[in-house]
Protein backbone atom coordinates (compact mmCIF):
# COMPACT_ATOMS: atom_id res chain seq x y z
CA ASN A 1 0.00 0.00 0.00
CA THR A 2 1.50 3.33 -1.03
CA ASP A 3 -1.15 5.44 0.75
CA THR A 4 0.76 7.78 3.08
CA THR A 5 -2.28 9.44 4.68
CA PHE A 6 -1.51 7.88 8.07
CA THR A 7 2.04 9.25 8.23
CA ALA A 8 0.97 12.47 9.96
CA PRO A 9 -0.79 12.42 13.34
CA ALA A 10 -2.57 15.70 12.57
CA SER A 11 -4.23 14.33 9.43
CA ASP A 12 -7.51 13.39 11.22
CA PHE A 13 -7.90 10.72 8.56
CA ALA A 14 -9.70 7.48 9.45
CA LYS A 15 -9.86 4.27 7.47
CA LYS A 16 -12.75 1.84 7.58
CA VAL A 17 -11.86 -1.68 8.73
CA VAL A 18 -14.22 -4.65 8.38
CA ILE A 19 -14.24 -7.34 11.07
CA ALA A 20 -15.88 -10.61 9.99
CA VAL A 21 -16.01 -13.88 11.93
CA ASP A 22 -17.91 -17.13 11.40
CA LEU A 23 -18.76 -18.00 15.02
CA PRO A 24 -20.09 -21.55 14.40
CA ALA A 25 -16.79 -22.40 12.69
CA LEU A 26 -15.07 -21.44 15.97
CA GLY A 27 -17.45 -23.59 18.02
CA ILE A 28 -19.56 -20.70 19.35
CA ARG A 29 -23.23 -21.54 18.84
CA ALA A 30 -24.87 -18.52 20.48
CA ALA A 31 -27.00 -16.31 18.24
CA LYS A 32 -26.10 -13.21 20.28
CA VAL A 33 -22.72 -12.55 21.85
CA LYS A 34 -20.94 -9.78 23.70
CA MET A 35 -17.77 -8.56 22.03
CA TYR A 36 -15.42 -6.65 24.32
CA ASP A 37 -13.07 -3.92 23.14
CA VAL A 38 -10.16 -4.55 25.49
CA LEU A 39 -8.51 -1.17 25.01
CA ASP A 40 -11.45 1.12 25.77
CA ASP A 41 -13.73 -1.10 27.93
CA HIS A 42 -16.58 -0.87 25.44
CA VAL A 43 -19.00 -3.81 25.07
CA HIS A 44 -20.63 -4.48 21.69
CA ASP A 45 -23.82 -6.59 21.69
CA VAL A 46 -23.73 -8.31 18.31
CA THR A 47 -25.38 -11.22 16.56
CA ALA A 48 -23.64 -14.11 14.85
CA LYS A 49 -25.24 -13.00 11.57
CA ASP A 50 -23.85 -9.46 11.91
CA LEU A 51 -20.36 -10.82 12.59
CA LYS A 52 -20.52 -13.19 9.63
CA GLU A 53 -21.58 -10.33 7.32
CA GLY A 54 -18.94 -8.03 8.83
CA LEU A 55 -18.85 -5.05 11.18
CA VAL A 56 -17.25 -1.76 10.12
CA PHE A 57 -14.96 0.18 12.47
CA SER A 58 -13.11 3.44 11.89
CA VAL A 59 -9.40 3.39 12.68
CA GLY A 60 -7.33 6.56 12.80
CA TYR A 61 -3.65 7.37 13.26
CA HIS A 62 -2.20 5.24 16.08
CA ASP A 63 -5.68 3.90 16.83
CA ALA A 64 -6.09 0.24 17.71
CA ARG A 65 -8.84 -2.25 18.45
CA ILE A 66 -8.44 -5.50 20.34
CA LEU A 67 -11.74 -7.35 20.31
CA TYR A 68 -12.51 -10.35 22.50
CA ILE A 69 -15.47 -12.75 22.40
CA PRO A 70 -15.50 -15.09 25.41
CA LYS A 71 -16.46 -18.69 24.68
CA LYS A 72 -19.04 -19.97 27.14
């Protein structure tokens, strides 16, 4: 990727990132799950269908997401 938009912290530019997971393939059978953002203590209530189709997150300069779905 030759896009250098993220090279400057003052750019206020954000990219869209798609997170997609097939929960049944991982052995999680629940239709609804809680997905935890470890870095900012935010809880996302999502469905297995939404995760399979993909969720869109904005990520800016030096921004990060660590998402965790506990297996029951």
